[in-house]
């Protein structure tokens, strides 16, 4: 529906759609009641009924909300449905040795939305910069690789030539060793990023939260 914002949580979308449908339905019922029995439905009773059915629809929604949705949920007396996580793993960040700086990247796909991002920190853990990017509908594998590409480009733009790239995906880290695994649509940009003069160490995070010791063979290779 055109009245629904393009960037909106799924639970709020359900509430907005329910509000439009129930509003039209109550208007129709009021007109129908007036024609058949000459009973006039007051504005107050219509609002109370509308509030009740929107609240019921919002609470029955299978969607999820964001923290920023609290005002609209409160206005319609709807309980928030936060996304549930099966496992929360504590990750201990390991500082790199000078002159290396570490960038932690991630890519993900939720529904029809894909994105990637990364955070740069030095050996003291000082925040140096970050990037995020919305992507077209894609796979998690491609999103992770695009995160690597953005990290290399971001580092080159800032004159950072020694990067320790860390990811939680073991399958995508392998592309540093075997470039043929990069999806064909990203391959040209991948090769261009690898020629930016950035020296890369790559690793992944184990489930226990420690950095895996099996650094890939590309350690010390200049890209």
N, C-alpha and C. Protein backbone atom coordinates (compact mmCIF):
# COMPACT_ATOMS: atom_id res chain seq x y z
N UNK A 1 0.84 -1.20 0.00
CA UNK A 1 0.00 0.00 0.00
C UNK A 1 0.88 1.25 0.00
N UNK A 2 0.43 2.28 -0.69
CA UNK A 2 1.26 3.47 -0.87
C UNK A 2 1.44 4.25 0.42
N UNK A 3 0.51 4.09 1.38
CA UNK A 3 0.60 4.86 2.61
C UNK A 3 1.62 4.29 3.59
N UNK A 4 2.12 3.10 3.33
CA UNK A 4 3.09 2.46 4.22
C UNK A 4 4.48 2.95 3.87
N UNK A 5 5.26 3.44 4.83
CA UNK A 5 6.64 3.90 4.55
C UNK A 5 7.49 2.78 3.99
N UNK A 6 8.46 3.14 3.14
CA UNK A 6 9.33 2.14 2.52
C UNK A 6 10.28 1.52 3.52
N UNK A 7 10.71 2.29 4.52
CA UNK A 7 11.61 1.78 5.55
C UNK A 7 10.83 1.71 6.87
N UNK A 8 10.39 0.53 7.20
CA UNK A 8 9.53 0.37 8.36
C UNK A 8 9.64 -1.06 8.85
N UNK A 9 9.53 -1.26 10.17
CA UNK A 9 9.59 -2.61 10.70
C UNK A 9 8.33 -3.38 10.33
N UNK A 10 8.43 -4.71 10.33
CA UNK A 10 7.33 -5.54 9.89
C UNK A 10 6.11 -5.43 10.80
N UNK A 11 6.32 -5.27 12.10
CA UNK A 11 5.17 -5.14 13.00
C UNK A 11 4.45 -3.82 12.79
N UNK A 12 5.18 -2.74 12.58
CA UNK A 12 4.55 -1.44 12.33
C UNK A 12 3.81 -1.46 11.00
N UNK A 13 4.36 -2.14 10.00
CA UNK A 13 3.66 -2.27 8.72
C UNK A 13 2.32 -2.96 8.93
N UNK A 14 2.31 -4.02 9.73
CA UNK A 14 1.05 -4.72 10.01
C UNK A 14 0.06 -3.80 10.70
N UNK A 15 0.55 -2.96 11.62
CA UNK A 15 -0.33 -2.03 12.33
C UNK A 15 -0.92 -1.00 11.38
N UNK A 16 -0.09 -0.47 10.49
CA UNK A 16 -0.57 0.55 9.55
C UNK A 16 -1.59 -0.03 8.58
N UNK A 17 -1.31 -1.22 8.08
CA UNK A 17 -2.25 -1.87 7.17
C UNK A 17 -3.56 -2.16 7.89
N UNK A 18 -3.46 -2.66 9.14
CA UNK A 18 -4.67 -2.94 9.92
C UNK A 18 -5.46 -1.66 10.18
N UNK A 19 -4.77 -0.55 10.43
CA UNK A 19 -5.45 0.72 10.69
C UNK A 19 -6.27 1.16 9.47
N UNK A 20 -5.69 1.03 8.29
CA UNK A 20 -6.41 1.43 7.08
C UNK A 20 -7.61 0.52 6.85
N UNK A 21 -7.41 -0.79 6.95
CA UNK A 21 -8.50 -1.74 6.69
C UNK A 21 -9.62 -1.59 7.70
N UNK A 22 -9.28 -1.50 8.98
CA UNK A 22 -10.31 -1.39 10.02
C UNK A 22 -11.03 -0.05 9.95
N UNK A 23 -10.32 1.01 9.57
CA UNK A 23 -10.98 2.31 9.41
C UNK A 23 -12.05 2.25 8.33
N UNK A 24 -11.71 1.68 7.19
CA UNK A 24 -12.68 1.54 6.10
C UNK A 24 -13.84 0.64 6.52
N UNK A 25 -13.51 -0.42 7.27
CA UNK A 25 -14.57 -1.34 7.70
C UNK A 25 -15.54 -0.67 8.67
N UNK A 26 -15.02 0.10 9.62
CA UNK A 26 -15.88 0.76 10.59
C UNK A 26 -16.73 1.84 9.92
N UNK A 27 -16.17 2.53 8.94
CA UNK A 27 -16.96 3.52 8.19
C UNK A 27 -18.12 2.83 7.47
N UNK A 28 -17.81 1.68 6.87
CA UNK A 28 -18.86 0.93 6.16
C UNK A 28 -19.93 0.45 7.13
N UNK A 29 -19.52 -0.07 8.31
CA UNK A 29 -20.48 -0.55 9.29
C UNK A 29 -21.36 0.59 9.80
N UNK A 30 -20.77 1.75 10.00
CA UNK A 30 -21.53 2.90 10.49
C UNK A 30 -22.58 3.34 9.47
N UNK A 31 -22.20 3.38 8.21
CA UNK A 31 -23.16 3.75 7.17
C UNK A 31 -24.25 2.70 7.02
N UNK A 32 -23.87 1.42 7.14
CA UNK A 32 -24.82 0.33 7.03
C UNK A 32 -25.82 0.39 8.18
N UNK A 33 -25.32 0.66 9.39
CA UNK A 33 -26.21 0.76 10.54
C UNK A 33 -27.17 1.93 10.41
N UNK A 34 -26.70 3.04 9.86
CA UNK A 34 -27.54 4.22 9.69
C UNK A 34 -28.66 3.96 8.68
N UNK A 35 -28.35 3.23 7.62
CA UNK A 35 -29.35 2.97 6.58
C UNK A 35 -30.42 1.98 7.04
N UNK A 36 -30.00 0.95 7.81
CA UNK A 36 -30.94 -0.10 8.19
C UNK A 36 -31.77 0.24 9.42
N UNK A 37 -31.13 0.85 10.42
CA UNK A 37 -31.85 1.09 11.67
C UNK A 37 -31.88 2.55 12.10
N UNK A 38 -31.31 3.40 11.29
CA UNK A 38 -31.23 4.83 11.59
C UNK A 38 -30.44 5.13 12.86
N UNK A 39 -29.63 4.15 13.30
CA UNK A 39 -28.78 4.38 14.47
C UNK A 39 -27.53 5.15 14.07
N UNK A 40 -27.27 6.21 14.76
CA UNK A 40 -26.09 7.04 14.47
C UNK A 40 -24.95 6.60 15.38
N UNK A 41 -23.85 6.21 14.77
CA UNK A 41 -22.66 5.81 15.53
C UNK A 41 -21.84 7.05 15.82
N UNK A 42 -21.57 7.32 17.07
CA UNK A 42 -20.81 8.52 17.44
C UNK A 42 -19.34 8.37 17.06
N UNK A 43 -18.72 9.51 16.89
CA UNK A 43 -17.29 9.52 16.56
C UNK A 43 -16.48 8.86 17.68
N UNK A 44 -16.87 9.12 18.92
CA UNK A 44 -16.14 8.58 20.06
C UNK A 44 -16.20 7.05 20.07
N UNK A 45 -17.38 6.48 19.89
CA UNK A 45 -17.51 5.02 19.90
C UNK A 45 -16.76 4.40 18.72
N UNK A 46 -16.77 5.08 17.58
CA UNK A 46 -16.04 4.57 16.41
C UNK A 46 -14.54 4.56 16.68
N UNK A 47 -14.04 5.61 17.34
CA UNK A 47 -12.61 5.68 17.66
C UNK A 47 -12.22 4.60 18.66
N UNK A 48 -13.08 4.39 19.68
CA UNK A 48 -12.79 3.37 20.68
C UNK A 48 -12.74 1.99 20.04
N UNK A 49 -13.70 1.71 19.16
CA UNK A 49 -13.72 0.42 18.49
C UNK A 49 -12.52 0.26 17.57
N UNK A 50 -12.18 1.34 16.86
CA UNK A 50 -11.03 1.29 15.97
C UNK A 50 -9.74 1.04 16.74
N UNK A 51 -9.58 1.72 17.87
CA UNK A 51 -8.40 1.52 18.71
C UNK A 51 -8.29 0.08 19.18
N UNK A 52 -9.42 -0.51 19.53
CA UNK A 52 -9.43 -1.88 20.05
C UNK A 52 -9.02 -2.88 18.98
N UNK A 53 -9.58 -2.75 17.78
CA UNK A 53 -9.28 -3.73 16.73
C UNK A 53 -7.85 -3.56 16.19
N UNK A 54 -7.34 -2.32 16.15
CA UNK A 54 -5.95 -2.11 15.72
C UNK A 54 -5.00 -2.70 16.75
N UNK A 55 -5.31 -2.50 18.03
CA UNK A 55 -4.48 -3.07 19.08
C UNK A 55 -4.47 -4.59 19.01
N UNK A 56 -5.63 -5.19 18.76
CA UNK A 56 -5.70 -6.64 18.64
C UNK A 56 -4.89 -7.14 17.45
N UNK A 57 -5.01 -6.46 16.31
CA UNK A 57 -4.25 -6.86 15.12
C UNK A 57 -2.75 -6.71 15.34
N UNK A 58 -2.34 -5.61 16.01
CA UNK A 58 -0.93 -5.39 16.26
C UNK A 58 -0.33 -6.43 17.18
N UNK A 59 -1.11 -6.84 18.19
CA UNK A 59 -0.61 -7.85 19.13
C UNK A 59 -0.58 -9.24 18.51
N UNK A 60 -1.42 -9.48 17.51
CA UNK A 60 -1.43 -10.77 16.83
C UNK A 60 -0.44 -10.83 15.67
N UNK A 61 0.19 -9.70 15.38
CA UNK A 61 1.14 -9.65 14.27
C UNK A 61 2.32 -10.59 14.51
N UNK A 62 2.76 -11.22 13.43
CA UNK A 62 3.93 -12.10 13.50
C UNK A 62 5.21 -11.34 13.18
N UNK A 63 5.10 -10.02 12.95
CA UNK A 63 6.27 -9.22 12.60
C UNK A 63 7.08 -8.84 13.82
N UNK A 64 8.20 -8.17 13.56
CA UNK A 64 9.09 -7.72 14.62
C UNK A 64 9.24 -6.21 14.56
N UNK A 65 9.64 -5.62 15.68
CA UNK A 65 9.73 -4.17 15.76
C UNK A 65 11.15 -3.73 16.10
N UNK A 66 11.36 -2.41 16.05
CA UNK A 66 12.62 -1.79 16.43
C UNK A 66 12.40 -0.95 17.69
N UNK A 67 13.48 -0.57 18.32
CA UNK A 67 13.36 0.28 19.52
C UNK A 67 12.73 1.62 19.18
N UNK A 68 12.97 2.11 17.97
CA UNK A 68 12.41 3.41 17.57
C UNK A 68 10.91 3.35 17.34
N UNK A 69 10.33 2.14 17.32
CA UNK A 69 8.89 2.00 17.10
C UNK A 69 8.08 2.17 18.38
N UNK A 70 8.74 2.38 19.52
CA UNK A 70 8.04 2.44 20.81
C UNK A 70 6.89 3.45 20.84
N UNK A 71 7.05 4.69 20.33
CA UNK A 71 5.93 5.65 20.39
C UNK A 71 4.67 5.18 19.68
N UNK A 72 4.83 4.64 18.48
CA UNK A 72 3.64 4.22 17.72
C UNK A 72 3.01 2.97 18.34
N UNK A 73 3.85 2.08 18.89
CA UNK A 73 3.31 0.90 19.56
C UNK A 73 2.54 1.31 20.82
N UNK A 74 3.09 2.26 21.55
CA UNK A 74 2.43 2.75 22.76
C UNK A 74 1.10 3.43 22.42
N UNK A 75 1.09 4.18 21.32
CA UNK A 75 -0.12 4.90 20.92
C UNK A 75 -1.27 3.96 20.60
N UNK A 76 -0.95 2.79 20.07
CA UNK A 76 -1.99 1.83 19.71
C UNK A 76 -2.11 0.69 20.72
N UNK A 77 -1.45 0.82 21.87
CA UNK A 77 -1.50 -0.20 22.94
C UNK A 77 -1.10 -1.57 22.41
N UNK A 78 0.00 -1.61 21.70
CA UNK A 78 0.50 -2.85 21.11
C UNK A 78 1.80 -3.25 21.81
N UNK A 79 1.89 -4.50 22.20
CA UNK A 79 3.11 -5.00 22.84
C UNK A 79 4.20 -5.19 21.78
N UNK A 80 5.42 -4.76 22.06
CA UNK A 80 6.51 -4.91 21.07
C UNK A 80 6.90 -6.36 20.87
N UNK A 81 7.15 -6.73 19.63
CA UNK A 81 7.63 -8.06 19.30
C UNK A 81 9.08 -7.94 18.83
N UNK A 82 10.00 -8.07 19.75
CA UNK A 82 11.41 -7.96 19.40
C UNK A 82 11.90 -9.27 18.79
N UNK A 83 12.86 -9.14 17.90
CA UNK A 83 13.42 -10.32 17.26
C UNK A 83 14.17 -11.15 18.30
N UNK A 84 13.98 -12.45 18.25
CA UNK A 84 14.61 -13.34 19.21
C UNK A 84 15.87 -13.96 18.61
N UNK A 85 16.87 -14.09 19.45
CA UNK A 85 18.12 -14.69 19.04
C UNK A 85 18.28 -16.03 19.76
N UNK A 86 18.62 -17.06 19.00
CA UNK A 86 18.77 -18.38 19.59
C UNK A 86 20.00 -18.46 20.47
N UNK A 87 21.11 -17.95 19.98
CA UNK A 87 22.37 -18.04 20.71
C UNK A 87 23.05 -16.68 20.75
N UNK A 88 23.53 -16.31 21.90
CA UNK A 88 24.34 -15.10 22.05
C UNK A 88 25.72 -15.54 22.49
N UNK A 89 26.71 -15.27 21.64
CA UNK A 89 28.07 -15.73 21.89
C UNK A 89 28.95 -14.54 22.26
N UNK A 90 29.65 -14.64 23.35
CA UNK A 90 30.58 -13.59 23.76
C UNK A 90 31.86 -13.70 22.94
N UNK A 91 32.25 -12.61 22.31
CA UNK A 91 33.45 -12.57 21.47
C UNK A 91 34.46 -11.65 22.12
N UNK A 92 35.66 -12.15 22.38
CA UNK A 92 36.74 -11.35 22.96
C UNK A 92 37.60 -10.81 21.83
N UNK A 93 37.59 -9.50 21.69
CA UNK A 93 38.31 -8.87 20.60
C UNK A 93 39.81 -8.87 20.90
N UNK A 94 40.60 -9.35 19.96
CA UNK A 94 42.06 -9.42 20.12
C UNK A 94 42.71 -8.27 19.36
N UNK A 95 43.47 -7.47 20.06
CA UNK A 95 44.09 -6.29 19.44
C UNK A 95 45.23 -6.72 18.51
N UNK A 96 45.36 -6.03 17.38
CA UNK A 96 46.49 -6.32 16.48
C UNK A 96 47.77 -5.67 16.99
N UNK A 97 48.88 -6.08 16.45
CA UNK A 97 50.17 -5.47 16.79
C UNK A 97 50.47 -4.36 15.80
N UNK A 98 51.08 -3.25 16.26
CA UNK A 98 51.45 -2.17 15.33
C UNK A 98 52.38 -2.72 14.25
N UNK A 99 52.28 -2.25 13.01
CA UNK A 99 51.43 -1.15 12.52
C UNK A 99 50.08 -1.62 11.99
N UNK A 100 49.69 -2.86 12.32
CA UNK A 100 48.43 -3.38 11.81
C UNK A 100 47.24 -2.73 12.51
N UNK A 101 46.15 -2.62 11.76
CA UNK A 101 44.87 -2.23 12.35
C UNK A 101 43.83 -3.25 11.90
N UNK A 102 42.89 -3.49 12.78
CA UNK A 102 41.92 -4.55 12.53
C UNK A 102 40.59 -3.97 12.05
N UNK A 103 39.98 -4.67 11.08
CA UNK A 103 38.65 -4.34 10.63
C UNK A 103 37.79 -5.59 10.75
N UNK A 104 36.73 -5.47 11.52
CA UNK A 104 35.76 -6.55 11.66
C UNK A 104 34.59 -6.29 10.71
N UNK A 105 34.35 -7.20 9.80
CA UNK A 105 33.31 -7.02 8.80
C UNK A 105 32.20 -8.05 9.00
N UNK A 106 31.05 -7.72 8.45
CA UNK A 106 29.92 -8.64 8.51
C UNK A 106 28.97 -8.31 7.38
N UNK A 107 28.31 -9.35 6.87
CA UNK A 107 27.27 -9.19 5.87
C UNK A 107 26.08 -10.04 6.26
N UNK A 108 24.89 -9.58 5.94
CA UNK A 108 23.71 -10.33 6.35
C UNK A 108 22.55 -10.03 5.41
N UNK A 109 21.60 -10.93 5.42
CA UNK A 109 20.38 -10.80 4.63
C UNK A 109 19.20 -11.10 5.54
N UNK A 110 18.26 -10.17 5.64
CA UNK A 110 17.04 -10.35 6.43
C UNK A 110 15.86 -10.08 5.51
N UNK A 111 15.08 -11.12 5.23
CA UNK A 111 13.96 -10.95 4.31
C UNK A 111 14.44 -10.58 2.93
N UNK A 112 13.99 -9.43 2.44
CA UNK A 112 14.40 -8.94 1.12
C UNK A 112 15.46 -7.85 1.22
N UNK A 113 16.10 -7.72 2.37
CA UNK A 113 17.08 -6.66 2.58
C UNK A 113 18.45 -7.26 2.88
N UNK A 114 19.47 -6.76 2.19
CA UNK A 114 20.84 -7.20 2.42
C UNK A 114 21.70 -5.99 2.74
N UNK A 115 22.73 -6.20 3.54
CA UNK A 115 23.62 -5.10 3.92
C UNK A 115 24.96 -5.67 4.37
N UNK A 116 25.95 -4.80 4.45
CA UNK A 116 27.26 -5.18 4.97
C UNK A 116 27.84 -3.99 5.70
N UNK A 117 28.84 -4.26 6.54
CA UNK A 117 29.46 -3.18 7.29
C UNK A 117 30.78 -3.61 7.88
N UNK A 118 31.51 -2.66 8.42
CA UNK A 118 32.81 -2.96 9.02
C UNK A 118 33.24 -1.86 9.98
N UNK A 119 34.06 -2.23 10.97
CA UNK A 119 34.57 -1.29 11.97
C UNK A 119 36.09 -1.41 12.03
N UNK A 120 36.79 -0.28 11.97
CA UNK A 120 38.25 -0.24 12.01
C UNK A 120 38.71 0.22 13.39
N UNK A 121 39.68 -0.52 13.97
CA UNK A 121 40.28 -0.13 15.25
C UNK A 121 41.77 -0.44 15.21
N UNK A 122 42.55 0.33 15.96
CA UNK A 122 43.99 0.13 15.97
C UNK A 122 44.41 -0.79 17.12
N UNK A 123 45.71 -0.87 17.39
CA UNK A 123 46.21 -1.80 18.40
C UNK A 123 45.80 -1.41 19.82
N UNK A 124 45.34 -0.16 20.00
CA UNK A 124 44.84 0.28 21.30
C UNK A 124 43.34 0.08 21.45
N UNK A 125 42.71 -0.41 20.39
CA UNK A 125 41.27 -0.56 20.40
C UNK A 125 40.54 0.73 20.09
N UNK A 126 41.26 1.76 19.65
CA UNK A 126 40.66 3.05 19.34
C UNK A 126 39.85 2.96 18.05
N UNK A 127 38.64 3.48 18.09
CA UNK A 127 37.78 3.50 16.90
C UNK A 127 38.36 4.47 15.88
N UNK A 128 38.58 3.98 14.65
CA UNK A 128 39.17 4.81 13.60
C UNK A 128 38.18 5.13 12.48
N UNK A 129 37.18 4.33 12.33
CA UNK A 129 36.22 4.57 11.25
C UNK A 129 35.33 3.35 11.05
N UNK A 130 34.28 3.54 10.27
CA UNK A 130 33.35 2.45 10.00
C UNK A 130 32.61 2.73 8.71
N UNK A 131 32.00 1.71 8.17
CA UNK A 131 31.19 1.85 6.97
C UNK A 131 30.01 0.90 7.04
N UNK A 132 28.93 1.29 6.42
CA UNK A 132 27.76 0.42 6.24
C UNK A 132 27.21 0.68 4.85
N UNK A 133 26.56 -0.33 4.30
CA UNK A 133 26.02 -0.17 2.95
C UNK A 133 24.83 -1.10 2.76
N UNK A 134 23.73 -0.55 2.29
CA UNK A 134 22.59 -1.37 1.88
C UNK A 134 22.87 -1.95 0.50
N UNK A 135 22.51 -3.20 0.30
CA UNK A 135 22.79 -3.89 -0.94
C UNK A 135 21.49 -4.34 -1.60
N UNK A 136 21.60 -4.70 -2.88
CA UNK A 136 20.45 -5.29 -3.55
C UNK A 136 20.20 -6.67 -2.96
N UNK A 137 19.04 -7.25 -3.30
CA UNK A 137 18.72 -8.59 -2.83
C UNK A 137 19.84 -9.54 -3.22
N UNK A 138 20.42 -10.18 -2.23
CA UNK A 138 21.63 -10.97 -2.48
C UNK A 138 21.72 -12.10 -1.47
N UNK A 139 22.79 -12.92 -1.62
CA UNK A 139 23.04 -14.00 -0.67
C UNK A 139 23.95 -13.49 0.44
N UNK A 140 23.99 -14.22 1.55
CA UNK A 140 24.88 -13.86 2.65
C UNK A 140 26.33 -13.93 2.19
N UNK A 141 26.65 -14.94 1.37
CA UNK A 141 28.02 -15.10 0.87
C UNK A 141 28.46 -13.85 0.11
N UNK A 142 27.62 -13.38 -0.81
CA UNK A 142 27.96 -12.18 -1.58
C UNK A 142 28.03 -10.94 -0.69
N UNK A 143 27.15 -10.87 0.30
CA UNK A 143 27.17 -9.72 1.21
C UNK A 143 28.46 -9.67 2.01
N UNK A 144 28.93 -10.84 2.45
CA UNK A 144 30.20 -10.90 3.19
C UNK A 144 31.35 -10.44 2.30
N UNK A 145 31.38 -10.90 1.06
CA UNK A 145 32.46 -10.53 0.15
C UNK A 145 32.42 -9.04 -0.17
N UNK A 146 31.23 -8.49 -0.34
CA UNK A 146 31.14 -7.06 -0.58
C UNK A 146 31.63 -6.27 0.63
N UNK A 147 31.44 -6.83 1.82
CA UNK A 147 32.00 -6.20 3.01
C UNK A 147 33.52 -6.17 2.96
N UNK A 148 34.15 -7.25 2.46
CA UNK A 148 35.60 -7.27 2.29
C UNK A 148 36.04 -6.21 1.30
N UNK A 149 35.30 -6.10 0.20
CA UNK A 149 35.67 -5.13 -0.85
C UNK A 149 35.59 -3.70 -0.30
N UNK A 150 34.51 -3.40 0.38
CA UNK A 150 34.37 -2.06 0.96
C UNK A 150 35.47 -1.79 1.98
N UNK A 151 35.86 -2.81 2.75
CA UNK A 151 36.91 -2.64 3.75
C UNK A 151 38.24 -2.29 3.08
N UNK A 152 38.58 -2.98 2.00
CA UNK A 152 39.82 -2.69 1.29
C UNK A 152 39.79 -1.30 0.67
N UNK A 153 38.66 -0.93 0.08
CA UNK A 153 38.54 0.41 -0.53
C UNK A 153 38.59 1.50 0.54
N UNK A 154 37.93 1.27 1.66
CA UNK A 154 37.93 2.25 2.75
C UNK A 154 39.33 2.43 3.31
N UNK A 155 40.05 1.32 3.46
CA UNK A 155 41.42 1.39 3.98
C UNK A 155 42.32 2.16 3.02
N UNK A 156 42.21 1.88 1.73
CA UNK A 156 43.04 2.57 0.73
C UNK A 156 42.75 4.06 0.71
N UNK A 157 41.48 4.44 0.85
CA UNK A 157 41.12 5.86 0.83
C UNK A 157 41.72 6.61 2.02
N UNK A 158 41.91 5.90 3.13
CA UNK A 158 42.46 6.54 4.32
C UNK A 158 43.96 6.32 4.49
N UNK A 159 44.59 5.69 3.51
CA UNK A 159 46.03 5.49 3.56
C UNK A 159 46.48 4.42 4.54
N UNK A 160 45.59 3.47 4.87
CA UNK A 160 45.94 2.38 5.78
C UNK A 160 46.39 1.19 4.94
N UNK A 161 47.62 0.81 5.08
CA UNK A 161 48.20 -0.21 4.19
C UNK A 161 48.40 -1.56 4.86
N UNK A 162 48.16 -1.67 6.17
CA UNK A 162 48.32 -2.93 6.89
C UNK A 162 47.03 -3.24 7.63
N UNK A 163 46.25 -4.17 7.09
CA UNK A 163 44.91 -4.45 7.59
C UNK A 163 44.80 -5.91 8.03
N UNK A 164 44.30 -6.10 9.23
CA UNK A 164 43.92 -7.43 9.71
C UNK A 164 42.41 -7.51 9.57
N UNK A 165 41.95 -8.27 8.58
CA UNK A 165 40.53 -8.40 8.30
C UNK A 165 39.98 -9.63 9.02
N UNK A 166 38.95 -9.41 9.85
CA UNK A 166 38.40 -10.49 10.66
C UNK A 166 36.91 -10.64 10.37
N UNK A 167 36.48 -11.88 10.17
CA UNK A 167 35.09 -12.16 9.85
C UNK A 167 34.63 -13.41 10.60
N UNK A 168 33.32 -13.55 10.77
CA UNK A 168 32.79 -14.76 11.40
C UNK A 168 32.43 -15.84 10.37
N UNK A 169 32.74 -15.58 9.11
CA UNK A 169 32.41 -16.53 8.04
C UNK A 169 33.67 -17.19 7.52
N UNK A 170 33.81 -18.49 7.75
CA UNK A 170 34.98 -19.22 7.26
C UNK A 170 34.93 -19.42 5.76
N UNK A 171 33.73 -19.56 5.22
CA UNK A 171 33.60 -19.84 3.78
C UNK A 171 33.99 -18.64 2.93
N UNK A 172 33.73 -17.43 3.41
CA UNK A 172 34.07 -16.26 2.61
C UNK A 172 35.53 -15.85 2.78
N UNK A 173 36.13 -16.16 3.92
CA UNK A 173 37.55 -15.85 4.12
C UNK A 173 38.40 -16.57 3.07
N UNK A 174 37.93 -17.70 2.59
CA UNK A 174 38.70 -18.51 1.63
C UNK A 174 38.93 -17.77 0.32
N UNK A 175 38.11 -16.73 0.01
CA UNK A 175 38.27 -16.03 -1.26
C UNK A 175 39.61 -15.32 -1.34
N UNK A 176 40.24 -15.01 -0.21
CA UNK A 176 41.56 -14.40 -0.25
C UNK A 176 42.59 -15.38 -0.80
N UNK A 177 42.28 -16.64 -0.65
CA UNK A 177 43.19 -17.68 -1.12
C UNK A 177 42.81 -18.18 -2.51
N UNK A 178 41.50 -18.20 -2.79
CA UNK A 178 41.00 -18.70 -4.08
C UNK A 178 40.04 -17.67 -4.64
N UNK A 179 40.56 -16.77 -5.46
CA UNK A 179 39.75 -15.67 -6.00
C UNK A 179 38.64 -16.15 -6.92
N UNK A 180 38.77 -17.36 -7.46
CA UNK A 180 37.75 -17.88 -8.37
C UNK A 180 36.42 -18.13 -7.68
N UNK A 181 36.41 -18.14 -6.34
CA UNK A 181 35.17 -18.35 -5.60
C UNK A 181 34.33 -17.08 -5.51
N UNK A 182 34.92 -15.95 -5.84
CA UNK A 182 34.18 -14.69 -5.82
C UNK A 182 33.11 -14.73 -6.91
N UNK A 183 31.85 -14.38 -6.60
CA UNK A 183 30.79 -14.37 -7.61
C UNK A 183 31.18 -13.54 -8.82
N UNK A 184 30.77 -13.97 -9.99
CA UNK A 184 31.21 -13.35 -11.23
C UNK A 184 30.87 -11.87 -11.30
N UNK A 185 29.73 -11.46 -10.72
CA UNK A 185 29.33 -10.06 -10.78
C UNK A 185 30.20 -9.17 -9.90
N UNK A 186 30.92 -9.77 -8.95
CA UNK A 186 31.78 -8.99 -8.05
C UNK A 186 33.25 -9.14 -8.39
N UNK A 187 33.55 -10.00 -9.35
CA UNK A 187 34.95 -10.36 -9.57
C UNK A 187 35.81 -9.19 -10.05
N UNK A 188 35.27 -8.36 -10.93
CA UNK A 188 36.06 -7.23 -11.44
C UNK A 188 36.38 -6.25 -10.32
N UNK A 189 35.38 -5.95 -9.49
CA UNK A 189 35.61 -5.02 -8.38
C UNK A 189 36.54 -5.64 -7.34
N UNK A 190 36.44 -6.96 -7.16
CA UNK A 190 37.32 -7.65 -6.23
C UNK A 190 38.78 -7.53 -6.66
N UNK A 191 39.06 -7.78 -7.93
CA UNK A 191 40.44 -7.68 -8.43
C UNK A 191 40.95 -6.25 -8.34
N UNK A 192 40.08 -5.28 -8.59
CA UNK A 192 40.50 -3.88 -8.46
C UNK A 192 40.85 -3.54 -7.02
N UNK A 193 40.05 -4.05 -6.08
CA UNK A 193 40.33 -3.80 -4.65
C UNK A 193 41.63 -4.45 -4.22
N UNK A 194 41.94 -5.61 -4.81
CA UNK A 194 43.17 -6.31 -4.45
C UNK A 194 44.42 -5.64 -5.01
N UNK A 195 44.24 -4.66 -5.87
CA UNK A 195 45.38 -3.94 -6.46
C UNK A 195 45.55 -2.54 -5.86
N UNK A 196 44.95 -2.32 -4.71
CA UNK A 196 45.02 -1.00 -4.07
C UNK A 196 46.23 -0.83 -3.18
N UNK A 197 47.08 -1.85 -3.08
CA UNK A 197 48.30 -1.74 -2.29
C UNK A 197 48.08 -1.94 -0.81
N UNK A 198 47.00 -2.62 -0.44
CA UNK A 198 46.72 -2.88 0.98
C UNK A 198 47.20 -4.29 1.32
N UNK A 199 48.01 -4.39 2.36
CA UNK A 199 48.51 -5.68 2.82
C UNK A 199 47.52 -6.25 3.84
N UNK A 200 47.12 -7.50 3.65
CA UNK A 200 46.00 -8.05 4.41
C UNK A 200 46.39 -9.32 5.15
N UNK A 201 45.97 -9.40 6.42
CA UNK A 201 45.95 -10.64 7.19
C UNK A 201 44.46 -10.96 7.41
N UNK A 202 44.08 -12.20 7.20
CA UNK A 202 42.67 -12.55 7.38
C UNK A 202 42.52 -13.66 8.41
N UNK A 203 41.44 -13.61 9.15
CA UNK A 203 41.14 -14.63 10.15
C UNK A 203 39.65 -14.65 10.38
N UNK A 204 39.18 -15.69 11.07
CA UNK A 204 37.78 -15.76 11.41
C UNK A 204 37.63 -16.03 12.90
N UNK A 205 36.44 -15.77 13.41
CA UNK A 205 36.17 -15.92 14.84
C UNK A 205 35.52 -17.27 15.08
N UNK A 206 36.06 -18.02 16.01
CA UNK A 206 35.49 -19.32 16.38
C UNK A 206 34.26 -19.11 17.26
N UNK A 207 33.44 -20.13 17.38
CA UNK A 207 32.23 -20.06 18.19
C UNK A 207 32.53 -19.80 19.66
N UNK A 208 33.71 -20.24 20.10
CA UNK A 208 34.06 -20.02 21.50
C UNK A 208 34.42 -18.58 21.78
N UNK A 209 34.51 -17.77 20.71
CA UNK A 209 34.80 -16.36 20.91
C UNK A 209 36.26 -16.01 20.73
N UNK A 210 37.12 -16.99 20.49
CA UNK A 210 38.54 -16.71 20.30
C UNK A 210 38.87 -16.67 18.82
N UNK A 211 39.85 -15.89 18.46
CA UNK A 211 40.27 -15.83 17.08
C UNK A 211 40.95 -17.13 16.71
N UNK A 212 40.55 -17.73 15.60
CA UNK A 212 41.16 -18.99 15.18
C UNK A 212 42.61 -18.76 14.79
N UNK A 213 43.43 -19.70 15.12
CA UNK A 213 44.86 -19.54 14.89
C UNK A 213 45.27 -19.86 13.46
N UNK A 214 44.35 -20.47 12.68
CA UNK A 214 44.74 -20.88 11.33
C UNK A 214 44.61 -19.73 10.35
N UNK A 215 45.57 -18.82 10.40
CA UNK A 215 45.61 -17.74 9.42
C UNK A 215 45.79 -18.34 8.03
N UNK A 216 45.16 -17.70 7.06
CA UNK A 216 45.24 -18.25 5.72
C UNK A 216 46.57 -17.93 5.06
N UNK A 217 46.81 -18.58 3.94
CA UNK A 217 48.11 -18.49 3.29
C UNK A 217 48.40 -17.11 2.72
N UNK A 218 47.38 -16.24 2.69
CA UNK A 218 47.60 -14.93 2.11
C UNK A 218 48.27 -13.97 3.10
N UNK A 219 48.60 -14.43 4.31
CA UNK A 219 49.22 -13.54 5.29
C UNK A 219 50.50 -12.92 4.72
N UNK A 220 50.51 -11.60 4.75
CA UNK A 220 51.69 -10.90 4.28
C UNK A 220 51.66 -10.60 2.80
N UNK A 221 50.68 -11.08 2.07
CA UNK A 221 50.58 -10.76 0.65
C UNK A 221 50.05 -9.33 0.49
N UNK A 222 50.59 -8.62 -0.45
CA UNK A 222 50.15 -7.25 -0.71
C UNK A 222 49.05 -7.27 -1.75
N UNK A 223 47.95 -6.56 -1.44
CA UNK A 223 46.83 -6.47 -2.38
C UNK A 223 46.73 -5.03 -2.86
